[in-house]
PDB file of N, CA and C in Angstrom:
ATOM      1  N   MET A   1       0.657  -1.009   0.022  1.00  0.00           N
ATOM      2  CA  MET A   1       0.011   0.090   0.063  1.00  0.00           C
ATOM      3  C   MET A   1       0.828   1.215   0.052  1.00  0.00           C
ATOM      4  N   ASP A   2       0.701   2.121  -0.979  1.00  0.00           N
ATOM      5  CA  ASP A   2       1.481   3.335  -0.811  1.00  0.00           C
ATOM      6  C   ASP A   2       0.694   4.552   0.107  1.00  0.00           C
ATOM      7  N   LYS A   3       1.389   4.866   0.990  1.00  0.00           N
ATOM      8  CA  LYS A   3       0.844   5.715   1.955  1.00  0.00           C
ATOM      9  C   LYS A   3       1.622   7.258   1.830  1.00  0.00           C
ATOM     10  N   SER A   4       2.170   7.618   0.480  1.00  0.00           N
ATOM     11  CA  SER A   4       2.665   8.934   0.150  1.00  0.00           C
ATOM     12  C   SER A   4       1.376   9.833  -0.005  1.00  0.00           C
ATOM     13  N   VAL A   5       1.607  11.140   0.423  1.00  0.00           N
ATOM     14  CA  VAL A   5       0.632  12.147   0.378  1.00  0.00           C
ATOM     15  C   VAL A   5       1.264  13.254  -0.387  1.00  0.00           C
ATOM     16  N   ILE A   6       0.530  14.125  -1.285  1.00  0.00           N
ATOM     17  CA  ILE A   6       1.049  15.184  -1.947  1.00  0.00           C
ATOM     18  C   ILE A   6       0.619  16.143  -1.285  1.00  0.00           C
ATOM     19  N   LEU A   7       1.443  17.088  -0.741  1.00  0.00           N
ATOM     20  CA  LEU A   7       0.914  18.377  -0.146  1.00  0.00           C
ATOM     21  C   LEU A   7       0.763  19.471  -0.918  1.00  0.00           C
ATOM     22  N   SER A   8      -0.009  20.486  -0.607  1.00  0.00           N
ATOM     23  CA  SER A   8      -0.181  21.825  -1.326  1.00  0.00           C
ATOM     24  C   SER A   8       1.184  22.432  -0.684  1.00  0.00           C
ATOM     25  N   ALA A   9       1.193  23.535  -1.565  1.00  0.00           N
ATOM     26  CA  ALA A   9       2.211  24.440  -1.230  1.00  0.00           C
ATOM     27  C   ALA A   9       1.957  24.994   0.277  1.00  0.00           C
ATOM     28  N   GLU A  10       0.766  25.473   0.315  1.00  0.00           N
ATOM     29  CA  GLU A  10       0.316  26.084   1.648  1.00  0.00           C
ATOM     30  C   GLU A  10       0.526  25.163   2.839  1.00  0.00           C
ATOM     31  N   LYS A  11       0.270  23.915   2.465  1.00  0.00           N
ATOM     32  CA  LYS A  11       0.257  22.911   3.747  1.00  0.00           C
ATOM     33  C   LYS A  11       1.619  22.538   4.070  1.00  0.00           C
ATOM     34  N   GLU A  12       2.705  22.750   3.009  1.00  0.00           N
ATOM     35  CA  GLU A  12       4.156  22.424   3.159  1.00  0.00           C
ATOM     36  C   GLU A  12       4.695  23.826   4.041  1.00  0.00           C
ATOM     37  N   ALA A  13       4.178  24.937   3.419  1.00  0.00           N
ATOM     38  CA  ALA A  13       4.593  25.948   4.153  1.00  0.00           C
ATOM     39  C   ALA A  13       4.267  26.173   5.648  1.00  0.00           C
ATOM     40  N   GLU A  14       3.103  25.507   5.969  1.00  0.00           N
ATOM     41  CA  GLU A  14       2.522  25.509   7.217  1.00  0.00           C
ATOM     42  C   GLU A  14       3.437  24.635   8.031  1.00  0.00           C
ATOM     43  N   LEU A  15       3.874  23.284   7.522  1.00  0.00           N
ATOM     44  CA  LEU A  15       4.682  22.491   8.135  1.00  0.00           C
ATOM     45  C   LEU A  15       5.951  22.937   8.650  1.00  0.00           C
ATOM     46  N   LEU A  16       6.437  23.501   7.672  1.00  0.00           N
ATOM     47  CA  LEU A  16       7.901  24.127   7.702  1.00  0.00           C
ATOM     48  C   LEU A  16       7.978  25.441   8.480  1.00  0.00           C
ATOM     49  N   ARG A  17       6.975  26.167   8.738  1.00  0.00           N
ATOM     50  CA  ARG A  17       6.976  27.309   9.463  1.00  0.00           C
ATOM     51  C   ARG A  17       7.703  27.271  10.787  1.00  0.00           C
ATOM     52  N   PRO A  18       7.451  26.363  11.778  1.00  0.00           N
ATOM     53  CA  PRO A  18       8.077  26.144  12.955  1.00  0.00           C
ATOM     54  C   PRO A  18       9.738  25.813  12.810  1.00  0.00           C
ATOM     55  N   ILE A  19      10.209  25.273  11.846  1.00  0.00           N
ATOM     56  CA  ILE A  19      11.533  25.059  11.562  1.00  0.00           C
ATOM     57  C   ILE A  19      12.110  26.240  11.130  1.00  0.00           C
ATOM     58  N   ASP A  20      11.573  26.799  10.275  1.00  0.00           N
ATOM     59  CA  ASP A  20      11.901  28.099   9.763  1.00  0.00           C
ATOM     60  C   ASP A  20      12.181  29.200  10.822  1.00  0.00           C
ATOM     61  N   GLU A  21      11.272  29.314  11.816  1.00  0.00           N
ATOM     62  CA  GLU A  21      11.315  30.256  12.969  1.00  0.00           C
ATOM     63  C   GLU A  21      12.480  29.879  13.788  1.00  0.00           C
ATOM     64  N   TYR A  22      12.501  28.397  14.008  1.00  0.00           N
ATOM     65  CA  TYR A  22      13.570  28.098  14.897  1.00  0.00           C
ATOM     66  C   TYR A  22      15.082  28.548  14.264  1.00  0.00           C
ATOM     67  N   ILE A  23      15.178  28.209  13.133  1.00  0.00           N
ATOM     68  CA  ILE A  23      16.486  28.493  12.497  1.00  0.00           C
ATOM     69  C   ILE A  23      16.802  29.858  12.387  1.00  0.00           C
ATOM     70  N   GLY A  24      15.823  30.735  12.286  1.00  0.00           N
ATOM     71  CA  GLY A  24      15.823  32.271  12.304  1.00  0.00           C
ATOM     72  C   GLY A  24      16.166  32.725  13.577  1.00  0.00           C
ATOM     73  N   GLU A  25      15.896  31.951  14.646  1.00  0.00           N
ATOM     74  CA  GLU A  25      16.253  32.608  15.921  1.00  0.00           C
ATOM     75  C   GLU A  25      17.674  32.193  16.118  1.00  0.00           C
ATOM     76  N   ILE A  26      18.162  31.027  15.557  1.00  0.00           N
ATOM     77  CA  ILE A  26      19.507  30.567  15.913  1.00  0.00           C
ATOM     78  C   ILE A  26      20.394  31.574  15.095  1.00  0.00           C
ATOM     79  N   GLN A  27      19.778  31.881  13.783  1.00  0.00           N
ATOM     80  CA  GLN A  27      20.696  32.722  13.034  1.00  0.00           C
ATOM     81  C   GLN A  27      20.930  34.138  13.637  1.00  0.00           C
ATOM     82  N   SER A  28      19.695  34.766  14.178  1.00  0.00           N
ATOM     83  CA  SER A  28      19.849  35.833  14.936  1.00  0.00           C
ATOM     84  C   SER A  28      20.650  35.992  15.928  1.00  0.00           C
ATOM     85  N   SER A  29      21.010  34.693  16.519  1.00  0.00           N
ATOM     86  CA  SER A  29      21.782  34.700  17.863  1.00  0.00           C
ATOM     87  C   SER A  29      23.153  34.710  17.208  1.00  0.00           C
ATOM     88  N   ILE A  30      23.348  33.967  16.443  1.00  0.00           N
ATOM     89  CA  ILE A  30      24.717  33.981  15.723  1.00  0.00           C
ATOM     90  C   ILE A  30      25.146  35.382  15.117  1.00  0.00           C
ATOM     91  N   ASP A  31      24.400  36.139  14.472  1.00  0.00           N
ATOM     92  CA  ASP A  31      24.643  37.024  14.019  1.00  0.00           C
ATOM     93  C   ASP A  31      24.822  38.318  15.301  1.00  0.00           C
ATOM     94  N   GLU A  32      24.169  38.169  16.378  1.00  0.00           N
ATOM     95  CA  GLU A  32      24.406  39.060  17.388  1.00  0.00           C
ATOM     96  C   GLU A  32      25.854  38.809  17.863  1.00  0.00           C
ATOM     97  N   LEU A  33      26.357  37.414  18.017  1.00  0.00           N
ATOM     98  CA  LEU A  33      27.667  37.051  18.427  1.00  0.00           C
ATOM     99  C   LEU A  33      28.821  37.709  17.634  1.00  0.00           C
ATOM    100  N   ARG A  34      28.301  37.693  16.255  1.00  0.00           N
ATOM    101  CA  ARG A  34      29.549  37.985  15.252  1.00  0.00           C
ATOM    102  C   ARG A  34      29.612  39.630  15.013  1.00  0.00           C
ATOM    103  N   LYS A  35      28.574  40.362  15.652  1.00  0.00           N
ATOM    104  CA  LYS A  35      28.586  41.676  15.359  1.00  0.00           C
ATOM    105  C   LYS A  35      29.778  42.428  15.942  1.00  0.00           C
ATOM    106  N   ASP A  36      30.301  41.999  17.231  1.00  0.00           N
ATOM    107  CA  ASP A  36      31.106  42.726  18.145  1.00  0.00           C
ATOM    108  C   ASP A  36      32.560  41.731  17.821  1.00  0.00           C
ATOM    109  N   GLY A  37      32.664  40.652  17.051  1.00  0.00           N
ATOM    110  CA  GLY A  37      33.609  39.984  16.948  1.00  0.00           C
ATOM    111  C   GLY A  37      34.121  39.909  15.380  1.00  0.00           C
ATOM    112  N   SER A  38      33.795  38.996  14.665  1.00  0.00           N
ATOM    113  CA  SER A  38      34.177  38.889  13.071  1.00  0.00           C
ATOM    114  C   SER A  38      33.947  39.966  12.451  1.00  0.00           C
ATOM    115  N   GLU A  39      32.633  40.368  12.539  1.00  0.00           N
ATOM    116  CA  GLU A  39      31.934  41.473  11.595  1.00  0.00           C
ATOM    117  C   GLU A  39      33.015  42.804  11.808  1.00  0.00           C
ATOM    118  N   LYS A  40      33.360  43.164  13.174  1.00  0.00           N
ATOM    119  CA  LYS A  40      34.008  44.275  13.912  1.00  0.00           C
ATOM    120  C   LYS A  40      35.532  44.012  13.026  1.00  0.00           C
ATOM    121  N   ILE A  41      35.950  42.942  13.266  1.00  0.00           N
ATOM    122  CA  ILE A  41      37.392  42.661  12.821  1.00  0.00           C
ATOM    123  C   ILE A  41      37.643  42.891  11.248  1.00  0.00           C
ATOM    124  N   GLN A  42      36.658  42.629  10.408  1.00  0.00           N
ATOM    125  CA  GLN A  42      36.644  43.057   9.040  1.00  0.00           C
ATOM    126  C   GLN A  42      36.510  44.445   8.648  1.00  0.00           C
ATOM    127  N   THR A  43      35.587  45.173   9.543  1.00  0.00           N
ATOM    128  CA  THR A  43      35.430  46.521   9.482  1.00  0.00           C
ATOM    129  C   THR A  43      36.787  47.311   9.753  1.00  0.00           C
ATOM    130  N   LEU A  44      37.443  47.069  11.025  1.00  0.00           N
ATOM    131  CA  LEU A  44      38.542  47.695  11.370  1.00  0.00           C
ATOM    132  C   LEU A  44      39.700  47.382  10.423  1.00  0.00           C
ATOM    133  N   LEU A  45      39.876  46.211   9.769  1.00  0.00           N
ATOM    134  CA  LEU A  45      40.890  46.151   8.816  1.00  0.00           C
ATOM    135  C   LEU A  45      40.716  46.544   7.584  1.00  0.00           C
ATOM    136  N   SER A  46      39.545  46.743   7.215  1.00  0.00           N
ATOM    137  CA  SER A  46      39.194  47.640   5.982  1.00  0.00           C
ATOM    138  C   SER A  46      39.525  48.946   6.276  1.00  0.00           C
ATOM    139  N   HIS A  47      39.121  49.438   7.485  1.00  0.00           N
ATOM    140  CA  HIS A  47      39.390  50.803   7.654  1.00  0.00           C
ATOM    141  C   HIS A  47      40.783  51.004   8.005  1.00  0.00           C
ATOM    142  N   ILE A  48      41.538  50.302   8.531  1.00  0.00           N
ATOM    143  CA  ILE A  48      43.189  50.292   8.499  1.00  0.00           C
ATOM    144  C   ILE A  48      43.891  50.494   7.297  1.00  0.00           C
ATOM    145  N   SER A  49      43.338  49.579   6.382  1.00  0.00           N
ATOM    146  CA  SER A  49      43.895  49.651   4.919  1.00  0.00           C
ATOM    147  C   SER A  49      43.545  51.090   4.298  1.00  0.00           C
ATOM    148  N   LEU A  50      42.294  51.605   4.526  1.00  0.00           N
ATOM    149  CA  LEU A  50      42.059  52.664   3.912  1.00  0.00           C
ATOM    150  C   LEU A  50      42.654  53.863   4.368  1.00  0.00           C
ATOM    151  N   VAL A  51      43.048  53.891   5.608  1.00  0.00           N
ATOM    152  CA  VAL A  51      43.830  55.016   6.188  1.00  0.00           C
ATOM    153  C   VAL A  51      45.173  54.943   5.634  1.00  0.00           C
ATOM    154  N   LYS A  52      45.722  53.797   5.498  1.00  0.00           N
ATOM    155  CA  LYS A  52      47.058  53.957   5.155  1.00  0.00           C
ATOM    156  C   LYS A  52      47.140  54.432   3.894  1.00  0.00           C
ATOM    157  N   GLU A  53      46.140  54.334   2.989  1.00  0.00           N
ATOM    158  CA  GLU A  53      45.997  54.891   1.568  1.00  0.00           C
ATOM    159  C   GLU A  53      45.872  56.271   1.667  1.00  0.00           C
ATOM    160  N   ASP A  54      45.005  56.632   2.517  1.00  0.00           N
ATOM    161  CA  ASP A  54      44.515  58.071   2.408  1.00  0.00           C
ATOM    162  C   ASP A  54      45.605  59.282   2.495  1.00  0.00           C
ATOM    163  N   LYS A  55      45.846  59.980   1.701  1.00  0.00           N
ATOM    164  CA  LYS A  55      46.727  61.247   1.526  1.00  0.00           C
ATOM    165  C   LYS A  55      46.285  62.340   2.258  1.00  0.00           C
ATOM    166  N   ASN A  56      45.011  62.408   2.854  1.00  0.00           N
ATOM    167  CA  ASN A  56      44.463  63.393   3.469  1.00  0.00           C
ATOM    168  C   ASN A  56      45.086  63.806   5.097  1.00  0.00           C
ATOM    169  N   TYR A  57      45.693  62.633   5.449  1.00  0.00           N
ATOM    170  CA  TYR A  57      46.180  62.521   6.858  1.00  0.00           C
ATOM    171  C   TYR A  57      47.749  62.688   6.741  1.00  0.00           C
ATOM    172  N   ASN A  58      48.285  63.362   7.721  1.00  0.00           N
ATOM    173  CA  ASN A  58      49.636  63.437   7.945  1.00  0.00           C
ATOM    174  C   ASN A  58      50.041  62.021   8.538  1.00  0.00           C
ATOM    175  N   LYS A  59      51.358  61.815   8.545  1.00  0.00           N
ATOM    176  CA  LYS A  59      51.959  60.436   9.058  1.00  0.00           C
ATOM    177  C   LYS A  59      51.480  60.401  10.642  1.00  0.00           C
ATOM    178  N   GLU A  60      51.413  61.344  11.443  1.00  0.00           N
ATOM    179  CA  GLU A  60      51.009  61.271  12.732  1.00  0.00           C
ATOM    180  C   GLU A  60      49.751  60.987  12.883  1.00  0.00           C
ATOM    181  N   GLU A  61      48.883  61.690  12.267  1.00  0.00           N
ATOM    182  CA  GLU A  61      47.686  61.339  12.330  1.00  0.00           C
ATOM    183  C   GLU A  61      47.012  59.768  11.699  1.00  0.00           C
ATOM    184  N   ARG A  62      47.842  59.482  10.903  1.00  0.00           N
ATOM    185  CA  ARG A  62      47.714  58.255  10.056  1.00  0.00           C
ATOM    186  C   ARG A  62      48.015  57.093  11.324  1.00  0.00           C
ATOM    187  N   GLU A  63      49.238  57.385  11.907  1.00  0.00           N
ATOM    188  CA  GLU A  63      49.667  56.473  12.864  1.00  0.00           C
ATOM    189  C   GLU A  63      48.800  56.173  14.127  1.00  0.00           C
ATOM    190  N   ASN A  64      48.266  57.399  14.480  1.00  0.00           N
ATOM    191  CA  ASN A  64      46.908  57.516  15.921  1.00  0.00           C
ATOM    192  C   ASN A  64      45.931  56.786  15.326  1.00  0.00           C
ATOM    193  N   ILE A  65      45.415  57.004  14.223  1.00  0.00           N
ATOM    194  CA  ILE A  65      44.096  56.249  13.638  1.00  0.00           C
ATOM    195  C   ILE A  65      44.265  54.799  13.810  1.00  0.00           C
ATOM    196  N   ILE A  66      45.421  54.436  13.023  1.00  0.00           N
ATOM    197  CA  ILE A  66      45.770  52.997  12.965  1.00  0.00           C
ATOM    198  C   ILE A  66      46.156  52.406  14.351  1.00  0.00           C
ATOM    199  N   ALA A  67      46.770  53.197  15.169  1.00  0.00           N
ATOM    200  CA  ALA A  67      46.876  52.488  16.629  1.00  0.00           C
ATOM    201  C   ALA A  67      45.650  52.506  17.385  1.00  0.00           C
ATOM    202  N   ALA A  68      44.860  53.280  17.338  1.00  0.00           N
ATOM    203  CA  ALA A  68      43.366  53.073  17.746  1.00  0.00           C
ATOM    204  C   ALA A  68      42.654  52.017  17.167  1.00  0.00           C
ATOM    205  N   ASP A  69      42.697  51.892  15.828  1.00  0.00           N
ATOM    206  CA  ASP A  69      41.763  50.811  15.489  1.00  0.00           C
ATOM    207  C   ASP A  69      42.686  49.399  15.747  1.00  0.00           C
ATOM    208  N   LYS A  70      44.010  49.387  15.929  1.00  0.00           N
ATOM    209  CA  LYS A  70      44.579  48.207  16.308  1.00  0.00           C
ATOM    210  C   LYS A  70      44.199  47.646  17.675  1.00  0.00           C
ATOM    211  N   ALA A  71      43.906  48.549  18.642  1.00  0.00           N
ATOM    212  CA  ALA A  71      43.509  48.296  19.902  1.00  0.00           C
ATOM    213  C   ALA A  71      42.033  48.027  19.862  1.00  0.00           C
ATOM    214  N   GLU A  72      41.273  48.346  19.136  1.00  0.00           N
ATOM    215  CA  GLU A  72      40.005  48.051  18.912  1.00  0.00           C
ATOM    216  C   GLU A  72      39.778  46.552  18.284  1.00  0.00           C
ATOM    217  N   LEU A  73      40.940  46.381  17.426  1.00  0.00           N
ATOM    218  CA  LEU A  73      40.984  45.147  16.679  1.00  0.00           C
ATOM    219  C   LEU A  73      41.365  43.942  17.722  1.00  0.00           C
ATOM    220  N   ALA A  74      42.143  44.284  18.720  1.00  0.00           N
ATOM    221  CA  ALA A  74      42.605  43.409  19.798  1.00  0.00           C
ATOM    222  C   ALA A  74      41.312  42.940  20.428  1.00  0.00           C
ATOM    223  N   LYS A  75      40.572  43.936  20.993  1.00  0.00           N
ATOM    224  CA  LYS A  75      39.391  43.676  21.693  1.00  0.00           C
ATOM    225  C   LYS A  75      38.382  42.886  21.068  1.00  0.00           C
ATOM    226  N   ALA A  76      38.093  43.132  19.702  1.00  0.00           N
ATOM    227  CA  ALA A  76      37.145  42.300  18.886  1.00  0.00           C
ATOM    228  C   ALA A  76      37.595  40.949  18.818  1.00  0.00           C
ATOM    229  N   LYS A  77      39.083  40.745  18.412  1.00  0.00           N
ATOM    230  CA  LYS A  77      39.552  39.346  18.256  1.00  0.00           C
ATOM    231  C   LYS A  77      39.141  38.531  19.906  1.00  0.00           C
ATOM    232  N   GLU A  78      39.170  39.311  20.790  1.00  0.00           N
ATOM    233  CA  GLU A  78      39.086  38.726  22.117  1.00  0.00           C
ATOM    234  C   GLU A  78      37.688  38.139  22.131  1.00  0.00           C
ATOM    235  N   VAL A  79      36.888  39.055  21.702  1.00  0.00           N
ATOM    236  CA  VAL A  79      35.136  38.735  21.677  1.00  0.00           C
ATOM    237  C   VAL A  79      35.270  37.629  20.798  1.00  0.00           C
ATOM    238  N   GLU A  80      35.856  37.533  19.542  1.00  0.00           N
ATOM    239  CA  GLU A  80      35.725  36.552  18.512  1.00  0.00           C
ATOM    240  C   GLU A  80      35.993  35.183  19.106  1.00  0.00           C
ATOM    241  N   ALA A  81      37.009  35.288  19.618  1.00  0.00           N
ATOM    242  CA  ALA A  81      37.554  33.791  20.535  1.00  0.00           C
ATOM    243  C   ALA A  81      36.914  33.509  21.737  1.00  0.00           C
ATOM    244  N   ALA A  82      36.053  34.280  22.447  1.00  0.00           N
ATOM    245  CA  ALA A  82      35.106  33.870  23.343  1.00  0.00           C
ATOM    246  C   ALA A  82      33.750  33.445  22.814  1.00  0.00           C
ATOM    247  N   ASN A  83      33.413  33.982  21.527  1.00  0.00           N
ATOM    248  CA  ASN A  83      32.152  33.331  21.276  1.00  0.00           C
ATOM    249  C   ASN A  83      32.368  32.384  19.889  1.00  0.00           C
ATOM    250  N   LYS A  84      33.468  31.774  19.875  1.00  0.00           N
ATOM    251  CA  LYS A  84      33.830  31.173  18.873  1.00  0.00           C
ATOM    252  C   LYS A  84      32.886  29.815  18.997  1.00  0.00           C
ATOM    253  N   ALA A  85      33.017  29.049  20.162  1.00  0.00           N
ATOM    254  CA  ALA A  85      32.133  27.940  20.356  1.00  0.00           C
ATOM    255  C   ALA A  85      30.953  28.104  20.186  1.00  0.00           C
ATOM    256  N   LYS A  86      30.061  29.215  20.518  1.00  0.00           N
ATOM    257  CA  LYS A  86      28.708  29.488  20.151  1.00  0.00           C
ATOM    258  C   LYS A  86      28.209  29.568  19.100  1.00  0.00           C
ATOM    259  N   VAL A  87      29.329  30.182  18.223  1.00  0.00           N
ATOM    260  CA  VAL A  87      28.775  30.253  16.912  1.00  0.00           C
ATOM    261  C   VAL A  87      28.971  28.970  16.050  1.00  0.00           C
TER     262      VAL A  87
END
């Protein structure tokens, strides 16, 4: 006896909704954990690169900005390491 059932698109969506909501919650948690870790690292690395190439800053200004970014970068790497297992 064949017990297979063909679902309508609406019924399938209804059955999948709890799974999609659960996955959405997990993804939101992961995104929140990455915000101050890996995303911030990428932003800071890009900013450092741009500052190095920006001729509007004198050498001292450039060094100060890069030093500040590197300090924030170290903090972001600590956050990323602390959250790695959760992500």
